[in-house]
Amino acid sequence: MDTERDKVILYSPQSKAVWQELQHIGIAYSRREYVEKKYGESSGIFLTAYDEYLREAEKIVPRPDPRAYPYWAFASLEQLDVSGGGRLMTLSVPADGAVFFDQYD
């Protein structure tokens, strides 16, 4: 994981729409309705996991918007799966605004 002062460099493959929102307003959040649209009838399982994650993550970092869902980002390029397309983004994120976990736990 690369760091620069109080920021951490993370990597995330995202859709063109997410990239455009970041370019336009400088911030982007996922939303429940985006997950529902993307995963359709399977969205329930994703939303169950997301909601549990949000309950626990908010104990560490306050959610900036009550409707916001996080985007997944990775500390290492080797952890990424870019097979779904989109743009690979390199993000400089305040270290105290990110929640880290070990995907192998």
N, C-alpha and C. Protein backbone atom coordinates (compact mmCIF):
# COMPACT_ATOMS: atom_id res chain seq x y z
N MET A 1 0.85 -1.17 0.00
CA MET A 1 0.00 0.00 0.00
C MET A 1 0.90 1.23 0.00
N ASP A 2 0.71 2.09 -0.98
CA ASP A 2 1.46 3.34 -1.06
C ASP A 2 0.77 4.39 -0.21
N THR A 3 1.56 5.21 0.46
CA THR A 3 0.97 6.30 1.24
C THR A 3 1.68 7.60 0.90
N GLU A 4 0.96 8.68 1.02
CA GLU A 4 1.52 10.00 0.86
C GLU A 4 0.94 10.87 1.96
N ARG A 5 1.76 11.11 2.98
CA ARG A 5 1.35 11.87 4.16
C ARG A 5 0.16 11.22 4.84
N ASP A 6 -0.99 11.89 4.87
CA ASP A 6 -2.15 11.34 5.55
C ASP A 6 -3.14 10.68 4.60
N LYS A 7 -2.67 10.35 3.41
CA LYS A 7 -3.53 9.72 2.40
C LYS A 7 -2.99 8.34 2.05
N VAL A 8 -3.86 7.54 1.50
CA VAL A 8 -3.50 6.20 1.04
C VAL A 8 -3.89 6.10 -0.42
N ILE A 9 -3.07 5.42 -1.20
CA ILE A 9 -3.36 5.21 -2.61
C ILE A 9 -4.08 3.88 -2.75
N LEU A 10 -5.28 3.93 -3.34
CA LEU A 10 -6.09 2.73 -3.55
C LEU A 10 -6.45 2.65 -5.03
N TYR A 11 -6.81 1.45 -5.46
CA TYR A 11 -7.14 1.18 -6.86
C TYR A 11 -8.54 0.58 -6.94
N SER A 12 -9.30 1.03 -7.93
CA SER A 12 -10.66 0.54 -8.06
C SER A 12 -11.09 0.56 -9.53
N PRO A 13 -11.55 -0.58 -10.05
CA PRO A 13 -12.12 -0.57 -11.40
C PRO A 13 -13.57 -0.11 -11.31
N GLN A 14 -13.92 0.93 -12.07
CA GLN A 14 -15.28 1.47 -12.00
C GLN A 14 -15.80 1.77 -13.40
N SER A 15 -17.09 1.91 -13.48
CA SER A 15 -17.75 2.19 -14.76
C SER A 15 -17.41 3.60 -15.24
N LYS A 16 -17.67 3.83 -16.49
CA LYS A 16 -17.47 5.15 -17.08
C LYS A 16 -18.30 6.19 -16.34
N ALA A 17 -19.52 5.85 -15.93
CA ALA A 17 -20.40 6.79 -15.23
C ALA A 17 -19.79 7.24 -13.90
N VAL A 18 -19.18 6.32 -13.16
CA VAL A 18 -18.54 6.67 -11.89
C VAL A 18 -17.35 7.60 -12.16
N TRP A 19 -16.55 7.25 -13.15
CA TRP A 19 -15.38 8.07 -13.51
C TRP A 19 -15.83 9.48 -13.89
N GLN A 20 -16.91 9.59 -14.67
CA GLN A 20 -17.40 10.91 -15.10
C GLN A 20 -17.90 11.73 -13.90
N GLU A 21 -18.57 11.06 -12.96
CA GLU A 21 -19.04 11.77 -11.77
C GLU A 21 -17.87 12.30 -10.96
N LEU A 22 -16.84 11.49 -10.81
CA LEU A 22 -15.64 11.94 -10.10
C LEU A 22 -15.00 13.13 -10.80
N GLN A 23 -14.92 13.08 -12.12
CA GLN A 23 -14.33 14.19 -12.87
C GLN A 23 -15.18 15.45 -12.75
N HIS A 24 -16.49 15.29 -12.71
CA HIS A 24 -17.40 16.42 -12.71
C HIS A 24 -17.51 17.09 -11.33
N ILE A 25 -17.73 16.28 -10.27
CA ILE A 25 -17.95 16.87 -8.95
C ILE A 25 -16.90 16.49 -7.90
N GLY A 26 -16.01 15.59 -8.24
CA GLY A 26 -14.91 15.26 -7.34
C GLY A 26 -15.19 14.20 -6.30
N ILE A 27 -16.41 13.65 -6.31
CA ILE A 27 -16.76 12.59 -5.35
C ILE A 27 -17.86 11.73 -5.97
N ALA A 28 -17.89 10.47 -5.60
CA ALA A 28 -18.92 9.57 -6.11
C ALA A 28 -19.27 8.55 -5.03
N TYR A 29 -20.55 8.28 -4.90
CA TYR A 29 -21.03 7.25 -3.98
C TYR A 29 -21.88 6.27 -4.75
N SER A 30 -21.82 5.02 -4.31
CA SER A 30 -22.77 4.07 -4.82
C SER A 30 -24.08 4.28 -4.05
N ARG A 31 -25.15 3.73 -4.54
CA ARG A 31 -26.45 3.85 -3.90
C ARG A 31 -27.17 2.50 -3.97
N ARG A 32 -28.08 2.30 -3.06
CA ARG A 32 -28.85 1.05 -3.00
C ARG A 32 -29.48 0.75 -4.37
N GLU A 33 -30.06 1.76 -4.99
CA GLU A 33 -30.74 1.54 -6.28
C GLU A 33 -29.76 1.13 -7.38
N TYR A 34 -28.50 1.55 -7.29
CA TYR A 34 -27.50 1.13 -8.28
C TYR A 34 -27.22 -0.37 -8.14
N VAL A 35 -27.14 -0.83 -6.89
CA VAL A 35 -26.90 -2.25 -6.63
C VAL A 35 -28.09 -3.06 -7.13
N GLU A 36 -29.30 -2.57 -6.86
CA GLU A 36 -30.51 -3.26 -7.32
C GLU A 36 -30.54 -3.35 -8.85
N LYS A 37 -30.19 -2.27 -9.51
CA LYS A 37 -30.19 -2.25 -10.97
C LYS A 37 -29.12 -3.18 -11.54
N LYS A 38 -27.93 -3.14 -10.96
CA LYS A 38 -26.82 -3.94 -11.48
C LYS A 38 -27.06 -5.44 -11.30
N TYR A 39 -27.57 -5.85 -10.14
CA TYR A 39 -27.67 -7.27 -9.83
C TYR A 39 -29.08 -7.85 -9.95
N GLY A 40 -30.06 -7.00 -10.21
CA GLY A 40 -31.42 -7.49 -10.45
C GLY A 40 -31.94 -8.38 -9.35
N GLU A 41 -32.46 -9.55 -9.74
CA GLU A 41 -33.08 -10.44 -8.76
C GLU A 41 -32.08 -11.00 -7.75
N SER A 42 -30.78 -10.92 -8.04
CA SER A 42 -29.75 -11.38 -7.09
C SER A 42 -29.32 -10.27 -6.14
N SER A 43 -29.87 -9.08 -6.29
CA SER A 43 -29.39 -7.94 -5.50
C SER A 43 -29.60 -8.13 -4.00
N GLY A 44 -30.58 -8.90 -3.60
CA GLY A 44 -30.85 -9.09 -2.17
C GLY A 44 -29.65 -9.60 -1.40
N ILE A 45 -28.93 -10.55 -1.98
CA ILE A 45 -27.77 -11.11 -1.28
C ILE A 45 -26.66 -10.07 -1.15
N PHE A 46 -26.48 -9.26 -2.20
CA PHE A 46 -25.46 -8.21 -2.14
C PHE A 46 -25.86 -7.13 -1.13
N LEU A 47 -27.14 -6.77 -1.13
CA LEU A 47 -27.60 -5.72 -0.22
C LEU A 47 -27.55 -6.17 1.23
N THR A 48 -27.81 -7.44 1.48
CA THR A 48 -27.69 -7.96 2.84
C THR A 48 -26.25 -7.81 3.33
N ALA A 49 -25.30 -8.18 2.49
CA ALA A 49 -23.88 -8.05 2.85
C ALA A 49 -23.48 -6.58 2.98
N TYR A 50 -23.91 -5.75 2.03
CA TYR A 50 -23.61 -4.32 2.08
C TYR A 50 -24.15 -3.70 3.37
N ASP A 51 -25.40 -3.98 3.71
CA ASP A 51 -26.01 -3.38 4.88
C ASP A 51 -25.29 -3.78 6.16
N GLU A 52 -24.90 -5.04 6.27
CA GLU A 52 -24.15 -5.49 7.44
C GLU A 52 -22.78 -4.81 7.49
N TYR A 53 -22.13 -4.74 6.35
CA TYR A 53 -20.83 -4.05 6.28
C TYR A 53 -20.98 -2.59 6.72
N LEU A 54 -22.01 -1.91 6.21
CA LEU A 54 -22.22 -0.50 6.57
C LEU A 54 -22.44 -0.32 8.06
N ARG A 55 -23.22 -1.20 8.68
CA ARG A 55 -23.45 -1.11 10.13
C ARG A 55 -22.13 -1.18 10.89
N GLU A 56 -21.26 -2.08 10.47
CA GLU A 56 -19.98 -2.24 11.16
C GLU A 56 -18.99 -1.13 10.79
N ALA A 57 -18.95 -0.75 9.53
CA ALA A 57 -18.00 0.27 9.08
C ALA A 57 -18.30 1.63 9.70
N GLU A 58 -19.58 1.93 9.91
CA GLU A 58 -19.95 3.22 10.51
C GLU A 58 -19.44 3.36 11.94
N LYS A 59 -19.09 2.26 12.57
CA LYS A 59 -18.49 2.31 13.90
C LYS A 59 -17.04 2.81 13.82
N ILE A 60 -16.44 2.73 12.62
CA ILE A 60 -15.05 3.13 12.41
C ILE A 60 -14.96 4.49 11.72
N VAL A 61 -15.73 4.65 10.65
CA VAL A 61 -15.73 5.88 9.85
C VAL A 61 -17.17 6.29 9.60
N PRO A 62 -17.56 7.50 9.99
CA PRO A 62 -18.94 7.94 9.73
C PRO A 62 -19.24 7.96 8.23
N ARG A 63 -20.44 7.54 7.89
CA ARG A 63 -20.87 7.57 6.49
C ARG A 63 -21.15 9.03 6.11
N PRO A 64 -20.60 9.51 4.99
CA PRO A 64 -20.76 10.92 4.64
C PRO A 64 -22.17 11.30 4.20
N ASP A 65 -22.95 10.33 3.79
CA ASP A 65 -24.30 10.57 3.31
C ASP A 65 -25.09 9.31 3.69
N PRO A 66 -26.24 9.45 4.33
CA PRO A 66 -26.98 8.26 4.78
C PRO A 66 -27.42 7.35 3.64
N ARG A 67 -27.45 7.86 2.42
CA ARG A 67 -27.84 7.04 1.26
C ARG A 67 -26.63 6.41 0.58
N ALA A 68 -25.43 6.79 0.99
CA ALA A 68 -24.21 6.36 0.31
C ALA A 68 -23.84 4.91 0.64
N TYR A 69 -23.46 4.20 -0.38
CA TYR A 69 -22.87 2.87 -0.25
C TYR A 69 -21.42 2.99 -0.71
N PRO A 70 -20.53 2.22 -0.13
CA PRO A 70 -19.11 2.36 -0.50
C PRO A 70 -18.80 1.69 -1.84
N TYR A 71 -17.76 2.18 -2.45
CA TYR A 71 -17.16 1.48 -3.58
C TYR A 71 -15.99 0.69 -3.02
N TRP A 72 -15.76 -0.47 -3.56
CA TRP A 72 -14.63 -1.29 -3.12
C TRP A 72 -13.37 -0.78 -3.81
N ALA A 73 -12.31 -0.72 -3.06
CA ALA A 73 -11.01 -0.32 -3.59
C ALA A 73 -9.96 -1.22 -2.95
N PHE A 74 -8.83 -1.32 -3.59
CA PHE A 74 -7.80 -2.26 -3.18
C PHE A 74 -6.46 -1.56 -3.03
N ALA A 75 -5.67 -2.03 -2.08
CA ALA A 75 -4.36 -1.43 -1.81
C ALA A 75 -3.30 -1.90 -2.80
N SER A 76 -3.59 -2.95 -3.53
CA SER A 76 -2.61 -3.52 -4.44
C SER A 76 -3.26 -3.83 -5.78
N LEU A 77 -2.56 -3.52 -6.84
CA LEU A 77 -3.08 -3.82 -8.18
C LEU A 77 -3.28 -5.32 -8.38
N GLU A 78 -2.50 -6.13 -7.69
CA GLU A 78 -2.60 -7.59 -7.84
C GLU A 78 -3.92 -8.13 -7.30
N GLN A 79 -4.61 -7.37 -6.48
CA GLN A 79 -5.87 -7.82 -5.89
C GLN A 79 -7.08 -7.55 -6.79
N LEU A 80 -6.87 -6.81 -7.86
CA LEU A 80 -7.99 -6.37 -8.70
C LEU A 80 -8.45 -7.43 -9.68
N ASP A 81 -9.74 -7.43 -9.91
CA ASP A 81 -10.33 -8.20 -11.00
C ASP A 81 -10.91 -7.18 -11.96
N VAL A 82 -10.26 -6.98 -13.08
CA VAL A 82 -10.72 -5.98 -14.05
C VAL A 82 -11.43 -6.65 -15.23
N SER A 83 -11.83 -7.90 -15.06
CA SER A 83 -12.46 -8.63 -16.16
C SER A 83 -13.83 -8.06 -16.53
N GLY A 84 -14.45 -7.30 -15.62
CA GLY A 84 -15.77 -6.74 -15.89
C GLY A 84 -15.74 -5.45 -16.69
N GLY A 85 -14.55 -5.02 -17.08
CA GLY A 85 -14.44 -3.78 -17.85
C GLY A 85 -14.38 -2.57 -16.96
N GLY A 86 -14.67 -1.43 -17.52
CA GLY A 86 -14.62 -0.19 -16.77
C GLY A 86 -13.23 0.42 -16.82
N ARG A 87 -13.05 1.41 -16.00
CA ARG A 87 -11.78 2.13 -15.94
C ARG A 87 -11.09 1.83 -14.62
N LEU A 88 -9.80 1.61 -14.70
CA LEU A 88 -9.01 1.42 -13.49
C LEU A 88 -8.67 2.80 -12.95
N MET A 89 -9.11 3.08 -11.74
CA MET A 89 -8.86 4.39 -11.14
C MET A 89 -7.84 4.25 -10.02
N THR A 90 -6.94 5.20 -9.96
CA THR A 90 -6.00 5.33 -8.85
C THR A 90 -6.52 6.46 -7.99
N LEU A 91 -6.81 6.15 -6.73
CA LEU A 91 -7.46 7.10 -5.83
C LEU A 91 -6.54 7.48 -4.68
N SER A 92 -6.49 8.75 -4.37
CA SER A 92 -5.76 9.23 -3.19
C SER A 92 -6.83 9.55 -2.15
N VAL A 93 -6.89 8.73 -1.10
CA VAL A 93 -7.98 8.78 -0.14
C VAL A 93 -7.43 9.12 1.25
N PRO A 94 -8.10 10.01 2.00
CA PRO A 94 -7.66 10.25 3.37
C PRO A 94 -7.65 8.92 4.15
N ALA A 95 -6.54 8.62 4.78
CA ALA A 95 -6.39 7.34 5.49
C ALA A 95 -7.46 7.17 6.57
N ASP A 96 -7.87 8.26 7.20
CA ASP A 96 -8.88 8.14 8.25
C ASP A 96 -10.30 8.07 7.69
N GLY A 97 -10.44 8.06 6.36
CA GLY A 97 -11.74 7.97 5.73
C GLY A 97 -11.96 6.65 5.03
N ALA A 98 -11.06 5.69 5.25
CA ALA A 98 -11.16 4.38 4.62
C ALA A 98 -11.26 3.30 5.68
N VAL A 99 -11.98 2.25 5.37
CA VAL A 99 -12.09 1.09 6.25
C VAL A 99 -11.36 -0.05 5.56
N PHE A 100 -10.40 -0.64 6.25
CA PHE A 100 -9.60 -1.72 5.68
C PHE A 100 -9.97 -3.04 6.33
N PHE A 101 -9.94 -4.09 5.55
CA PHE A 101 -10.12 -5.42 6.11
C PHE A 101 -9.33 -6.40 5.27
N ASP A 102 -9.05 -7.54 5.88
CA ASP A 102 -8.31 -8.60 5.21
C ASP A 102 -9.32 -9.51 4.52
N GLN A 103 -9.26 -9.56 3.21
CA GLN A 103 -10.24 -10.36 2.47
C GLN A 103 -10.11 -11.86 2.72
N TYR A 104 -9.04 -12.27 3.38
CA TYR A 104 -8.85 -13.70 3.65
C TYR A 104 -9.28 -14.09 5.05
N ASP A 105 -9.73 -13.13 5.86
CA ASP A 105 -10.21 -13.46 7.23
C ASP A 105 -11.57 -14.12 7.16
